[in-house]
Amino acid sequence: MLDPSDSPRDARRRRALFRATHRGTHETDLLVGGYVTSRIDLFTDAEMDALEALLDLPDPDLADWLTGRRPLPDDAAPLLRAMREAAVP
């Protein structure tokens, strides 16, 4: 449950963090959730918008892109590219 004393920005970050760490597949929880957990406090509002859009993508696609099994789409968001760089050394 959200704390009523939280600002709307804090509540938004908590919701996004939960979604990033509870994707439905363990692999994607680690890849997406690990990246978001370590950086969410630094995200701008525009980056939060991008994150929320990214969280709407299907797990199999995210996992394939982040592990390098499939190349990133040409129109991949900068956030997806940053996650890929963090996930694949």
N, C-alpha and C. Protein backbone atom coordinates (compact mmCIF):
# COMPACT_ATOMS: atom_id res chain seq x y z
N MET A 1 0.84 -1.18 0.00
CA MET A 1 0.00 0.00 0.00
C MET A 1 0.89 1.24 0.00
N LEU A 2 0.47 2.24 -0.75
CA LEU A 2 1.24 3.46 -0.83
C LEU A 2 1.07 4.28 0.45
N ASP A 3 2.13 4.90 0.85
CA ASP A 3 2.12 5.78 2.02
C ASP A 3 1.48 7.11 1.60
N PRO A 4 0.44 7.56 2.32
CA PRO A 4 -0.22 8.81 1.92
C PRO A 4 0.70 10.03 1.99
N SER A 5 1.80 9.92 2.70
CA SER A 5 2.73 11.05 2.79
C SER A 5 3.68 11.10 1.60
N ASP A 6 3.69 10.06 0.77
CA ASP A 6 4.54 10.05 -0.43
C ASP A 6 4.08 11.10 -1.42
N SER A 7 5.04 11.68 -2.09
CA SER A 7 4.71 12.59 -3.18
C SER A 7 4.25 11.75 -4.37
N PRO A 8 3.54 12.36 -5.30
CA PRO A 8 3.15 11.62 -6.52
C PRO A 8 4.37 11.05 -7.25
N ARG A 9 5.47 11.77 -7.22
CA ARG A 9 6.69 11.30 -7.87
C ARG A 9 7.23 10.04 -7.19
N ASP A 10 7.22 10.02 -5.85
CA ASP A 10 7.68 8.84 -5.12
C ASP A 10 6.76 7.64 -5.39
N ALA A 11 5.47 7.89 -5.41
CA ALA A 11 4.52 6.81 -5.67
C ALA A 11 4.73 6.25 -7.08
N ARG A 12 4.98 7.12 -8.03
CA ARG A 12 5.23 6.68 -9.41
C ARG A 12 6.47 5.81 -9.47
N ARG A 13 7.51 6.22 -8.78
CA ARG A 13 8.75 5.44 -8.77
C ARG A 13 8.54 4.08 -8.13
N ARG A 14 7.80 4.04 -7.04
CA ARG A 14 7.55 2.76 -6.37
C ARG A 14 6.75 1.81 -7.25
N ARG A 15 5.74 2.35 -7.93
CA ARG A 15 4.96 1.50 -8.84
C ARG A 15 5.84 0.95 -9.96
N ALA A 16 6.66 1.81 -10.54
CA ALA A 16 7.54 1.38 -11.63
C ALA A 16 8.56 0.36 -11.14
N LEU A 17 9.09 0.57 -9.96
CA LEU A 17 10.05 -0.38 -9.40
C LEU A 17 9.40 -1.74 -9.17
N PHE A 18 8.19 -1.74 -8.66
CA PHE A 18 7.48 -3.00 -8.45
C PHE A 18 7.27 -3.71 -9.79
N ARG A 19 6.81 -2.96 -10.79
CA ARG A 19 6.58 -3.56 -12.11
C ARG A 19 7.88 -4.09 -12.72
N ALA A 20 8.99 -3.42 -12.48
CA ALA A 20 10.28 -3.83 -13.04
C ALA A 20 10.80 -5.10 -12.37
N THR A 21 10.47 -5.29 -11.12
CA THR A 21 11.00 -6.44 -10.38
C THR A 21 10.01 -7.60 -10.28
N HIS A 22 8.82 -7.43 -10.80
CA HIS A 22 7.80 -8.47 -10.79
C HIS A 22 7.23 -8.64 -12.20
N ARG A 23 8.11 -8.97 -13.13
CA ARG A 23 7.74 -9.05 -14.54
C ARG A 23 6.96 -10.31 -14.89
N GLY A 24 7.23 -11.38 -14.19
CA GLY A 24 6.56 -12.63 -14.51
C GLY A 24 7.54 -13.73 -14.86
N THR A 25 8.73 -13.36 -15.29
CA THR A 25 9.78 -14.35 -15.51
C THR A 25 11.00 -13.92 -14.70
N HIS A 26 11.63 -14.88 -14.10
CA HIS A 26 12.76 -14.59 -13.23
C HIS A 26 13.90 -13.88 -13.98
N GLU A 27 14.16 -14.33 -15.18
CA GLU A 27 15.25 -13.74 -15.98
C GLU A 27 15.01 -12.25 -16.22
N THR A 28 13.80 -11.92 -16.60
CA THR A 28 13.49 -10.51 -16.88
C THR A 28 13.40 -9.71 -15.59
N ASP A 29 12.93 -10.32 -14.51
CA ASP A 29 12.96 -9.64 -13.21
C ASP A 29 14.38 -9.19 -12.88
N LEU A 30 15.34 -10.07 -13.12
CA LEU A 30 16.73 -9.75 -12.81
C LEU A 30 17.30 -8.69 -13.75
N LEU A 31 17.05 -8.85 -15.03
CA LEU A 31 17.62 -7.93 -16.02
C LEU A 31 17.02 -6.52 -15.90
N VAL A 32 15.71 -6.45 -15.95
CA VAL A 32 15.04 -5.15 -15.89
C VAL A 32 15.06 -4.62 -14.46
N GLY A 33 14.67 -5.47 -13.52
CA GLY A 33 14.59 -5.04 -12.13
C GLY A 33 15.94 -4.62 -11.56
N GLY A 34 16.98 -5.35 -11.92
CA GLY A 34 18.31 -4.99 -11.43
C GLY A 34 18.75 -3.63 -11.92
N TYR A 35 18.50 -3.36 -13.19
CA TYR A 35 18.86 -2.07 -13.77
C TYR A 35 18.07 -0.95 -13.11
N VAL A 36 16.77 -1.14 -13.03
CA VAL A 36 15.90 -0.09 -12.48
C VAL A 36 16.19 0.13 -11.00
N THR A 37 16.38 -0.93 -10.24
CA THR A 37 16.64 -0.79 -8.81
C THR A 37 17.86 0.07 -8.54
N SER A 38 18.88 -0.12 -9.34
CA SER A 38 20.12 0.62 -9.09
C SER A 38 20.10 2.06 -9.58
N ARG A 39 19.08 2.43 -10.38
CA ARG A 39 19.10 3.76 -10.99
C ARG A 39 17.83 4.58 -10.84
N ILE A 40 16.78 4.01 -10.31
CA ILE A 40 15.49 4.69 -10.34
C ILE A 40 15.49 6.05 -9.64
N ASP A 41 16.29 6.20 -8.62
CA ASP A 41 16.33 7.49 -7.91
C ASP A 41 16.91 8.61 -8.78
N LEU A 42 17.60 8.24 -9.85
CA LEU A 42 18.23 9.23 -10.72
C LEU A 42 17.40 9.55 -11.96
N PHE A 43 16.34 8.78 -12.22
CA PHE A 43 15.56 8.96 -13.43
C PHE A 43 14.84 10.31 -13.43
N THR A 44 14.90 10.96 -14.57
CA THR A 44 14.13 12.19 -14.79
C THR A 44 12.69 11.80 -15.11
N ASP A 45 11.81 12.79 -15.19
CA ASP A 45 10.43 12.49 -15.56
C ASP A 45 10.35 11.88 -16.96
N ALA A 46 11.17 12.36 -17.88
CA ALA A 46 11.19 11.81 -19.23
C ALA A 46 11.68 10.35 -19.21
N GLU A 47 12.66 10.06 -18.40
CA GLU A 47 13.15 8.68 -18.28
C GLU A 47 12.09 7.79 -17.63
N MET A 48 11.34 8.34 -16.70
CA MET A 48 10.25 7.57 -16.10
C MET A 48 9.18 7.26 -17.15
N ASP A 49 8.88 8.22 -18.01
CA ASP A 49 7.94 7.96 -19.11
C ASP A 49 8.44 6.82 -19.98
N ALA A 50 9.73 6.86 -20.32
CA ALA A 50 10.33 5.81 -21.16
C ALA A 50 10.31 4.47 -20.44
N LEU A 51 10.58 4.48 -19.14
CA LEU A 51 10.56 3.24 -18.37
C LEU A 51 9.16 2.64 -18.35
N GLU A 52 8.17 3.45 -18.12
CA GLU A 52 6.80 2.94 -18.07
C GLU A 52 6.39 2.36 -19.43
N ALA A 53 6.82 2.97 -20.51
CA ALA A 53 6.53 2.42 -21.84
C ALA A 53 7.27 1.10 -22.04
N LEU A 54 8.50 1.03 -21.60
CA LEU A 54 9.30 -0.19 -21.73
C LEU A 54 8.68 -1.33 -20.91
N LEU A 55 8.12 -1.00 -19.75
CA LEU A 55 7.52 -2.03 -18.90
C LEU A 55 6.25 -2.63 -19.51
N ASP A 56 5.71 -1.98 -20.54
CA ASP A 56 4.55 -2.52 -21.23
C ASP A 56 4.93 -3.55 -22.31
N LEU A 57 6.23 -3.68 -22.60
CA LEU A 57 6.68 -4.63 -23.62
C LEU A 57 6.62 -6.06 -23.07
N PRO A 58 6.42 -7.04 -23.94
CA PRO A 58 6.36 -8.44 -23.49
C PRO A 58 7.71 -8.94 -22.95
N ASP A 59 7.63 -9.76 -21.91
CA ASP A 59 8.83 -10.33 -21.31
C ASP A 59 9.72 -11.08 -22.28
N PRO A 60 9.17 -11.94 -23.14
CA PRO A 60 10.06 -12.67 -24.05
C PRO A 60 10.89 -11.75 -24.94
N ASP A 61 10.28 -10.69 -25.44
CA ASP A 61 11.02 -9.74 -26.27
C ASP A 61 12.11 -9.05 -25.45
N LEU A 62 11.75 -8.56 -24.27
CA LEU A 62 12.74 -7.89 -23.42
C LEU A 62 13.91 -8.81 -23.10
N ALA A 63 13.60 -10.03 -22.72
CA ALA A 63 14.67 -10.98 -22.37
C ALA A 63 15.58 -11.24 -23.57
N ASP A 64 15.00 -11.44 -24.73
CA ASP A 64 15.81 -11.70 -25.93
C ASP A 64 16.69 -10.51 -26.29
N TRP A 65 16.14 -9.31 -26.21
CA TRP A 65 16.92 -8.11 -26.53
C TRP A 65 18.01 -7.86 -25.50
N LEU A 66 17.67 -8.03 -24.23
CA LEU A 66 18.63 -7.69 -23.18
C LEU A 66 19.76 -8.70 -23.06
N THR A 67 19.51 -9.94 -23.45
CA THR A 67 20.56 -10.96 -23.38
C THR A 67 21.35 -11.06 -24.67
N GLY A 68 20.91 -10.36 -25.70
CA GLY A 68 21.61 -10.40 -26.98
C GLY A 68 21.19 -11.54 -27.88
N ARG A 69 20.15 -12.29 -27.50
CA ARG A 69 19.67 -13.38 -28.36
C ARG A 69 19.07 -12.82 -29.65
N ARG A 70 18.55 -11.61 -29.56
CA ARG A 70 18.02 -10.92 -30.74
C ARG A 70 18.57 -9.51 -30.73
N PRO A 71 18.83 -8.95 -31.90
CA PRO A 71 19.30 -7.56 -31.94
C PRO A 71 18.19 -6.61 -31.50
N LEU A 72 18.60 -5.49 -30.94
CA LEU A 72 17.62 -4.47 -30.57
C LEU A 72 16.94 -3.95 -31.83
N PRO A 73 15.66 -3.61 -31.72
CA PRO A 73 15.00 -3.02 -32.88
C PRO A 73 15.64 -1.68 -33.23
N ASP A 74 15.56 -1.29 -34.48
CA ASP A 74 16.16 -0.04 -34.92
C ASP A 74 15.62 1.16 -34.16
N ASP A 75 14.37 1.10 -33.76
CA ASP A 75 13.76 2.22 -33.06
C ASP A 75 13.79 2.06 -31.53
N ALA A 76 14.70 1.23 -31.03
CA ALA A 76 14.78 0.98 -29.59
C ALA A 76 15.04 2.28 -28.83
N ALA A 77 14.34 2.42 -27.72
CA ALA A 77 14.50 3.59 -26.87
C ALA A 77 15.89 3.60 -26.24
N PRO A 78 16.43 4.78 -25.98
CA PRO A 78 17.75 4.86 -25.34
C PRO A 78 17.80 4.08 -24.02
N LEU A 79 16.69 4.05 -23.30
CA LEU A 79 16.68 3.30 -22.03
C LEU A 79 16.88 1.81 -22.28
N LEU A 80 16.27 1.27 -23.31
CA LEU A 80 16.45 -0.14 -23.65
C LEU A 80 17.90 -0.40 -24.04
N ARG A 81 18.50 0.51 -24.79
CA ARG A 81 19.91 0.37 -25.15
C ARG A 81 20.80 0.41 -23.92
N ALA A 82 20.50 1.30 -22.97
CA ALA A 82 21.28 1.38 -21.74
C ALA A 82 21.14 0.10 -20.91
N MET A 83 19.95 -0.45 -20.85
CA MET A 83 19.75 -1.72 -20.14
C MET A 83 20.54 -2.83 -20.79
N ARG A 84 20.54 -2.85 -22.12
CA ARG A 84 21.28 -3.89 -22.85
C ARG A 84 22.77 -3.77 -22.56
N GLU A 85 23.30 -2.56 -22.58
CA GLU A 85 24.72 -2.36 -22.30
C GLU A 85 25.07 -2.80 -20.88
N ALA A 86 24.18 -2.58 -19.95
CA ALA A 86 24.41 -3.00 -18.56
C ALA A 86 24.31 -4.50 -18.40
N ALA A 87 23.46 -5.15 -19.22
CA ALA A 87 23.21 -6.58 -19.08
C ALA A 87 24.23 -7.43 -19.81
N VAL A 88 24.69 -6.96 -20.96
CA VAL A 88 25.61 -7.75 -21.79
C VAL A 88 26.98 -7.07 -21.79
N PRO A 89 27.94 -7.68 -21.12
CA PRO A 89 29.28 -7.05 -21.05
C PRO A 89 29.99 -7.03 -22.40
